[in-house]
Protein backbone atom coordinates (compact mmCIF):
# COMPACT_ATOMS: atom_id res chain seq x y z
CA MET A 1 -12.88 12.64 13.87
CA THR A 2 -13.23 10.68 16.54
CA SER A 3 -13.11 6.42 16.25
CA ALA A 4 -16.86 6.05 17.28
CA HIS A 5 -18.18 8.62 14.81
CA ALA A 6 -15.57 6.91 12.29
CA ALA A 7 -17.23 3.61 12.70
CA SER A 8 -20.76 4.87 12.77
CA VAL A 9 -20.50 6.28 9.25
CA ARG A 10 -17.94 3.93 7.19
CA ALA A 11 -18.11 0.51 6.05
CA ALA A 12 -15.58 -2.25 6.55
CA LEU A 13 -12.26 -2.79 5.03
CA ALA A 14 -12.22 -5.51 2.58
CA LEU A 15 -8.74 -7.73 3.16
CA THR A 16 -7.98 -10.16 0.55
CA MET A 17 -5.99 -13.59 1.66
CA GLY A 18 -3.41 -13.25 -0.84
CA GLU A 19 -1.30 -16.03 -1.70
CA PRO A 20 -2.83 -19.08 0.42
CA ALA A 21 0.10 -20.76 0.68
CA GLY A 22 1.85 -18.00 2.19
CA VAL A 23 1.86 -16.23 5.31
CA GLY A 24 -0.97 -14.32 4.75
CA PRO A 25 -3.60 -16.26 6.37
CA GLU A 26 -1.62 -16.84 9.78
CA ILE A 27 -0.99 -12.77 10.20
CA ILE A 28 -5.08 -12.60 9.23
CA HIS A 29 -5.44 -14.41 12.10
CA THR A 30 -3.45 -12.69 14.53
CA ALA A 31 -4.60 -9.03 13.15
CA TRP A 32 -7.50 -10.15 13.57
CA ASP A 33 -6.94 -10.78 17.77
CA ALA A 34 -4.89 -7.43 18.19
CA LEU A 35 -8.05 -5.66 16.09
CA LYS A 36 -10.49 -7.23 17.00
CA GLY A 37 -11.88 -4.50 19.71
CA GLU A 38 -10.90 -1.79 17.72
CA ALA A 39 -14.16 -0.91 15.55
CA ASP A 40 -12.67 1.58 13.23
CA THR A 41 -10.43 -0.98 11.97
CA ALA A 42 -13.19 -3.50 11.16
CA PHE A 43 -12.52 -5.39 8.25
CA PHE A 44 -13.49 -9.07 6.76
CA VAL A 45 -11.56 -11.38 4.63
CA VAL A 46 -11.85 -11.90 0.46
CA GLY A 47 -10.55 -15.66 0.52
CA ASP A 48 -10.99 -19.08 1.48
CA LEU A 49 -12.24 -19.76 5.03
CA ASN A 50 -11.36 -23.65 4.76
CA VAL A 51 -7.70 -22.34 4.12
CA LEU A 52 -7.78 -19.67 7.09
CA ALA A 53 -9.45 -22.38 9.40
CA ALA A 54 -6.39 -24.56 8.99
CA ALA A 55 -3.91 -21.45 9.35
CA GLY A 56 -5.27 -20.35 13.37
CA ALA A 57 -8.00 -20.56 15.74
CA SER A 58 -9.79 -17.66 15.33
CA PRO A 59 -13.34 -18.34 15.34
CA LEU A 60 -14.39 -17.82 11.48
CA ILE A 61 -17.63 -16.13 10.62
CA PRO A 62 -18.65 -16.56 6.82
CA ILE A 63 -20.64 -13.61 5.32
CA GLN A 64 -22.55 -13.18 2.41
CA ASP A 65 -22.60 -8.97 2.87
CA PRO A 66 -19.92 -6.46 3.29
CA ALA A 67 -22.24 -4.46 5.41
CA GLU A 68 -22.38 -7.27 8.37
CA ALA A 69 -18.49 -7.53 8.92
CA VAL A 70 -18.81 -4.19 11.18
CA ARG A 71 -21.20 -5.79 13.29
CA ARG A 72 -19.78 -9.52 13.76
CA PHE A 73 -16.08 -8.10 13.71
CA ALA A 74 -16.10 -8.02 17.38
CA GLU A 75 -17.23 -11.82 18.01
CA ALA A 76 -15.35 -13.14 14.69
CA LEU A 77 -13.09 -12.98 11.86
CA PRO A 78 -15.67 -12.36 8.84
CA VAL A 79 -14.91 -14.09 5.97
CA LEU A 80 -16.26 -13.76 2.08
CA HIS A 81 -15.73 -16.96 1.33
CA ARG A 82 -14.38 -17.91 -2.16
CA PRO A 83 -12.97 -21.17 -2.37
CA VAL A 84 -9.65 -22.11 -3.85
CA PRO A 85 -9.85 -25.14 -6.44
CA ALA A 86 -6.29 -27.18 -5.33
CA PRO A 87 -5.48 -27.98 -1.96
CA VAL A 88 -3.54 -25.80 0.12
CA THR A 89 0.37 -27.09 1.48
CA PRO A 90 1.77 -23.87 3.64
CA GLY A 91 5.09 -22.83 1.33
CA ARG A 92 3.82 -24.79 -1.49
CA PRO A 93 2.24 -22.14 -3.95
CA GLU A 94 0.03 -24.21 -6.15
CA PRO A 95 -0.29 -22.61 -9.78
CA ALA A 96 -3.99 -23.67 -10.28
CA ASN A 97 -4.83 -21.58 -7.32
CA ALA A 98 -3.59 -18.45 -8.82
CA GLY A 99 -6.86 -17.48 -10.61
CA ALA A 100 -8.40 -17.96 -7.43
CA VAL A 101 -5.78 -15.02 -6.05
CA ALA A 102 -6.55 -13.05 -8.74
CA ASP A 103 -10.52 -12.93 -8.57
CA TRP A 104 -10.31 -12.25 -4.47
CA ILE A 105 -8.56 -8.69 -5.44
CA GLU A 106 -10.82 -7.94 -8.70
CA GLN A 107 -14.04 -8.84 -6.17
CA ALA A 108 -12.66 -6.67 -3.36
CA VAL A 109 -11.91 -3.68 -6.10
CA ASN A 110 -15.29 -3.88 -7.32
CA LEU A 111 -16.86 -3.74 -4.07
CA ALA A 112 -14.61 -0.79 -3.14
CA LEU A 113 -15.48 0.84 -6.77
CA ALA A 114 -19.69 0.02 -5.59
CA GLU A 115 -18.76 2.03 -2.21
CA GLU A 116 -19.86 -1.15 -0.49
CA VAL A 117 -16.11 -1.12 1.95
CA SER A 118 -13.90 1.87 2.77
CA GLY A 119 -11.21 0.44 1.53
CA LEU A 120 -9.09 -2.40 0.51
CA VAL A 121 -5.88 -4.18 2.09
CA THR A 122 -3.91 -6.39 0.18
CA ALA A 123 -1.81 -9.44 1.85
CA PRO A 124 1.34 -10.25 0.25
CA ILE A 125 0.79 -12.04 -3.37
CA ALA A 126 3.41 -14.70 -4.89
CA LYS A 127 4.17 -13.73 -8.71
CA ALA A 128 5.64 -16.30 -9.99
CA PRO A 129 2.20 -18.83 -9.93
CA LEU A 130 0.37 -15.88 -11.02
CA TYR A 131 2.88 -15.28 -14.17
CA ALA A 132 2.35 -19.18 -14.78
CA ALA A 133 -1.31 -19.01 -14.96
CA GLY A 134 -1.53 -15.89 -17.08
CA PHE A 135 -1.43 -13.03 -14.89
CA ARG A 136 0.04 -10.22 -17.28
CA PHE A 137 0.67 -7.58 -14.55
CA PRO A 138 3.96 -6.67 -12.54
CA GLY A 139 2.11 -6.69 -9.03
CA HIS A 140 -0.79 -6.07 -7.10
CA THR A 141 0.14 -1.92 -7.68
CA GLU A 142 -0.43 -2.23 -11.58
CA PHE A 143 -3.57 -4.59 -11.39
CA ILE A 144 -5.52 -2.88 -9.36
CA ALA A 145 -4.98 0.79 -11.39
CA GLU A 146 -6.24 -1.19 -14.43
CA LEU A 147 -9.19 -2.24 -12.55
CA THR A 148 -9.98 1.41 -11.77
CA ALA A 149 -8.92 3.24 -14.51
CA ASP A 150 -12.06 3.72 -16.38
CA ARG A 151 -13.67 5.05 -12.65
CA PRO A 152 -13.74 8.85 -12.56
CA TYR A 153 -11.14 10.48 -10.40
CA THR A 154 -10.83 13.99 -9.47
CA GLY A 155 -7.16 14.85 -9.13
CA THR A 156 -3.57 13.46 -10.30
CA ARG A 157 -4.37 9.96 -11.16
CA GLY A 158 -1.58 7.78 -9.93
CA PRO A 159 -0.49 4.93 -8.99
CA VAL A 160 2.19 6.15 -7.14
CA MET A 161 3.55 3.90 -4.78
CA MET A 162 4.02 5.35 -0.90
CA LEU A 163 6.37 3.41 1.94
CA THR A 164 5.47 3.88 5.33
CA ALA A 165 7.05 3.43 8.69
CA GLN A 166 6.57 5.78 11.89
CA ASP A 167 6.79 9.63 10.72
CA LEU A 168 8.46 8.71 7.24
CA ARG A 169 6.69 8.78 3.62
CA ALA A 170 8.65 7.54 1.08
CA CYS A 171 7.31 7.98 -2.31
CA LEU A 172 8.59 6.90 -5.80
CA VAL A 173 9.29 8.13 -8.98
CA THR A 174 10.18 4.79 -10.52
CA ILE A 175 9.63 1.48 -8.72
CA HIS A 176 10.91 -2.35 -10.02
CA VAL A 177 13.38 -1.47 -12.31
CA SER A 178 16.84 -2.08 -12.76
CA LEU A 179 19.38 0.72 -11.78
CA ASP A 180 20.64 1.36 -15.22
CA GLU A 181 17.49 2.36 -16.24
CA VAL A 182 16.39 4.69 -13.80
CA PRO A 183 18.34 7.75 -15.05
CA GLU A 184 16.32 7.42 -18.50
CA LEU A 185 12.90 7.17 -16.24
CA VAL A 186 13.79 9.89 -14.15
CA THR A 187 12.20 12.37 -16.44
CA ASP A 188 10.64 15.89 -15.81
CA ALA A 189 6.79 14.41 -16.19
CA ARG A 190 7.16 11.35 -13.82
CA ILE A 191 8.71 13.88 -10.97
CA ARG A 192 6.03 16.20 -11.72
CA ARG A 193 3.31 13.40 -12.01
CA THR A 194 4.07 12.13 -8.72
CA ALA A 195 4.69 15.18 -6.79
CA ARG A 196 1.30 15.99 -8.19
CA VAL A 197 -0.48 12.55 -6.64
CA VAL A 198 1.38 13.01 -3.38
CA HIS A 199 0.95 16.66 -2.79
CA GLU A 200 -3.34 15.76 -3.51
CA CYS A 201 -3.08 12.89 -1.52
CA LEU A 202 -1.65 13.90 2.01
CA LYS A 203 -4.19 16.37 1.66
CA ARG A 204 -7.12 14.46 0.78
CA ASP A 205 -6.17 11.13 2.53
CA PHE A 206 -3.87 12.12 5.34
CA GLY A 207 -5.99 15.24 6.51
CA ILE A 208 -2.47 17.85 5.74
CA ALA A 209 -3.61 21.04 5.23
CA SER A 210 -0.76 22.10 3.55
CA PRO A 211 2.10 19.43 2.30
CA ARG A 212 5.75 19.90 2.64
CA LEU A 213 7.55 17.56 0.07
CA ALA A 214 11.44 17.02 -0.24
CA MET A 215 13.22 16.05 -3.56
CA ALA A 216 15.69 13.30 -2.91
CA ALA A 217 18.47 13.85 -5.28
CA LEU A 218 19.35 11.11 -8.19
CA ASN A 219 22.86 11.34 -7.95
CA PRO A 220 25.46 11.53 -4.63
CA HIS A 221 26.11 14.98 -3.27
CA ALA A 222 22.89 16.09 -5.37
CA GLY A 223 25.41 15.71 -8.17
CA GLU A 224 27.93 17.88 -6.60
CA GLY A 225 27.31 20.80 -9.05
CA GLY A 226 27.15 18.62 -12.16
CA ALA A 227 30.73 16.59 -11.30
CA LEU A 228 28.66 13.73 -10.29
CA GLY A 229 26.06 14.18 -12.86
CA LEU A 230 23.79 16.47 -14.42
CA GLN A 231 20.23 15.25 -13.88
CA GLU A 232 19.75 17.51 -10.83
CA ILE A 233 20.30 20.62 -12.83
CA GLU A 234 18.92 19.35 -15.69
CA ILE A 235 15.63 17.63 -14.73
CA LEU A 236 15.26 17.57 -10.94
CA LYS A 237 15.56 21.41 -9.94
CA PRO A 238 13.50 22.82 -12.83
CA ALA A 239 11.00 20.06 -12.03
CA ALA A 240 10.89 21.30 -8.40
CA GLU A 241 10.48 25.00 -9.82
CA ALA A 242 7.81 23.99 -12.28
CA LEU A 243 6.06 22.34 -9.10
CA ARG A 244 6.56 25.36 -6.88
CA ALA A 245 5.01 27.36 -9.86
CA GLU A 246 1.98 25.51 -9.19
CA GLY A 247 1.71 26.06 -5.58
CA ILE A 248 3.22 22.78 -4.21
CA ASP A 249 5.60 22.84 -1.32
CA ILE A 250 9.20 21.21 -2.48
CA THR A 251 12.44 21.47 -1.85
CA ASP A 252 15.40 21.55 -4.61
CA PRO A 253 16.76 18.22 -5.10
CA LEU A 254 18.72 16.96 -1.79
CA PRO A 255 21.80 14.74 -1.10
CA ALA A 256 19.69 11.25 -0.04
CA ASP A 257 22.19 10.43 2.33
CA THR A 258 20.57 13.58 4.78
CA LEU A 259 17.36 13.15 3.91
CA PHE A 260 15.93 10.81 6.28
CA HIS A 261 17.35 10.82 10.00
CA ASP A 262 15.36 11.82 12.58
CA GLU A 263 15.41 15.91 12.44
CA ALA A 264 15.41 16.10 9.01
CA ARG A 265 12.51 14.00 8.86
CA ARG A 266 10.86 16.90 10.83
CA ALA A 267 11.05 19.27 7.91
CA TYR A 268 8.65 17.41 5.83
CA ASP A 269 5.58 15.31 5.17
CA ALA A 270 6.35 12.95 2.18
CA ALA A 271 9.98 12.24 0.70
CA ILE A 272 9.71 12.40 -2.95
CA CYS A 273 12.54 9.49 -4.16
CA MET A 274 13.91 8.34 -7.40
CA TYR A 275 14.48 4.87 -7.39
CA HIS A 276 13.36 1.79 -5.34
CA ASP A 277 16.23 1.69 -2.54
CA GLN A 278 16.63 4.94 -1.83
CA ALA A 279 12.98 4.39 -0.52
CA LEU A 280 12.72 1.50 0.49
CA ILE A 281 16.35 0.92 2.40
CA PRO A 282 15.41 3.93 5.10
CA VAL A 283 11.77 2.90 5.49
CA LYS A 284 13.02 -0.60 6.51
CA THR A 285 15.74 0.66 8.61
CA LEU A 286 13.27 2.68 10.66
CA ASP A 287 10.87 0.10 11.26
CA PHE A 288 11.51 -3.17 9.51
CA TRP A 289 8.62 -5.12 10.83
CA GLY A 290 5.70 -2.17 10.71
CA GLY A 291 6.12 -0.57 7.13
CA VAL A 292 3.44 -0.39 4.94
CA ASN A 293 2.84 -0.13 1.29
CA ALA A 294 -0.03 2.38 0.26
CA THR A 295 -1.11 3.05 -3.34
CA LEU A 296 -1.80 6.64 -3.91
CA GLY A 297 -3.80 8.39 -6.75
CA LEU A 298 -6.72 5.93 -7.17
CA PRO A 299 -10.47 6.34 -6.67
CA ILE A 300 -10.29 3.40 -3.85
CA ILE A 301 -7.68 3.57 -0.49
CA ARG A 302 -5.72 0.70 -1.07
CA THR A 303 -2.66 -0.64 1.21
CA SER A 304 -0.78 -3.64 2.04
CA PRO A 305 2.05 -5.01 4.06
CA ASP A 306 5.67 -4.67 2.94
CA HIS A 307 6.88 -7.82 2.94
CA GLY A 308 6.51 -11.06 0.99
CA THR A 309 4.91 -14.42 1.33
CA GLY A 310 7.45 -16.00 3.18
CA PHE A 311 7.35 -19.53 2.14
CA ASP A 312 10.35 -20.48 4.27
CA ILE A 313 8.46 -19.44 7.47
CA ALA A 314 4.67 -20.32 6.16
CA GLY A 315 2.54 -22.92 8.73
CA LYS A 316 4.95 -22.45 11.34
CA GLY A 317 3.37 -19.92 13.23
CA VAL A 318 6.28 -17.71 13.70
CA ALA A 319 5.03 -14.73 11.02
CA ARG A 320 4.84 -11.51 12.41
CA PRO A 321 1.66 -9.69 12.07
CA ASP A 322 3.22 -5.56 12.44
CA SER A 323 3.25 -4.88 8.69
CA LEU A 324 -0.40 -6.03 8.11
CA ILE A 325 -1.94 -5.11 11.38
CA ALA A 326 -0.19 -1.08 10.20
CA ALA A 327 -1.67 -1.71 7.15
CA ILE A 328 -5.19 -2.50 8.53
CA ARG A 329 -4.88 0.90 10.40
CA LEU A 330 -3.24 2.99 7.71
CA ALA A 331 -6.27 2.31 5.35
CA ALA A 332 -8.60 3.16 8.13
CA ALA A 333 -7.26 6.17 8.91
CA MET A 334 -7.01 7.43 4.82
CA ALA A 335 -10.48 6.58 4.33
CA ASP A 336 -12.16 8.28 7.61
CA ALA A 337 -9.64 11.39 6.27
CA ARG A 338 -10.95 10.86 2.77
CA HIS A 339 -14.59 10.79 4.06
CA ALA A 340 -13.93 13.93 6.25
CA ALA A 341 -12.70 15.95 3.09
CA SER A 342 -15.73 14.98 0.85
């Protein structure tokens, strides 16, 4: 699908502003400046127009209807203005604004569910002020999963977290848990569900007709035949065999220390990783500034930059937009692929 054709049939992306005291507002400006000539990456911001105005020099235009965004994107950064109740100081999060941050996410999700936008990109949020305001979810991923839980979805439902950088897609069986919890959480059911979600999404949202999955082992040297752990023998290998019986192309568990170099990555389309750092270290080593977090297995497209709020540099004009730009481009590509597959 050409960019021109994609833009003619696809709505804009919604970009939530994230934590207003973080780097989100300023990198949104630099992302728009980099992408304003690319019609197929058109987006608008759900957030506070005044906070954005204070964070950069890009021309802003308030919109009332998401349909305006594609038409106006090249001339100015479109904003669906939803103000915060308290003043914003870069680097100093204000719990009084946490409700607005959550509302921006919910509004953008509802627009995506109503198919008024083609996907959702979320700028980083700060969890501490959200928790202080009563937010009960670990983060974006779980909140968006809850907001979309009652909507029909064809296929295996996520959420599954995928981290991408260049040609690497690393998908997580467990996410934000301590290492001592991981062995108990790496179960046959979790592995098989994760692999099914990834397999289906690679076909639908990435346009890969016959996805190839690599399974990372949990233990060093893939357990060394049981000498360094039994999970590969008792859980991972049987799960891989069951998945292959379902028609999913996936390897037996492979030692993680040899899974991510250039030659190895050419042998698969996505790696199924057992825990957080097993996926995040190779992604951030490969492209520290340009990694993207994508949520798979939902009725909507959602991506996010793979970094935090950067309170220590907020307002200083030094935050890099690479990851946000990559997240916007990935969301656009996934939306095009999903449209083509529908």
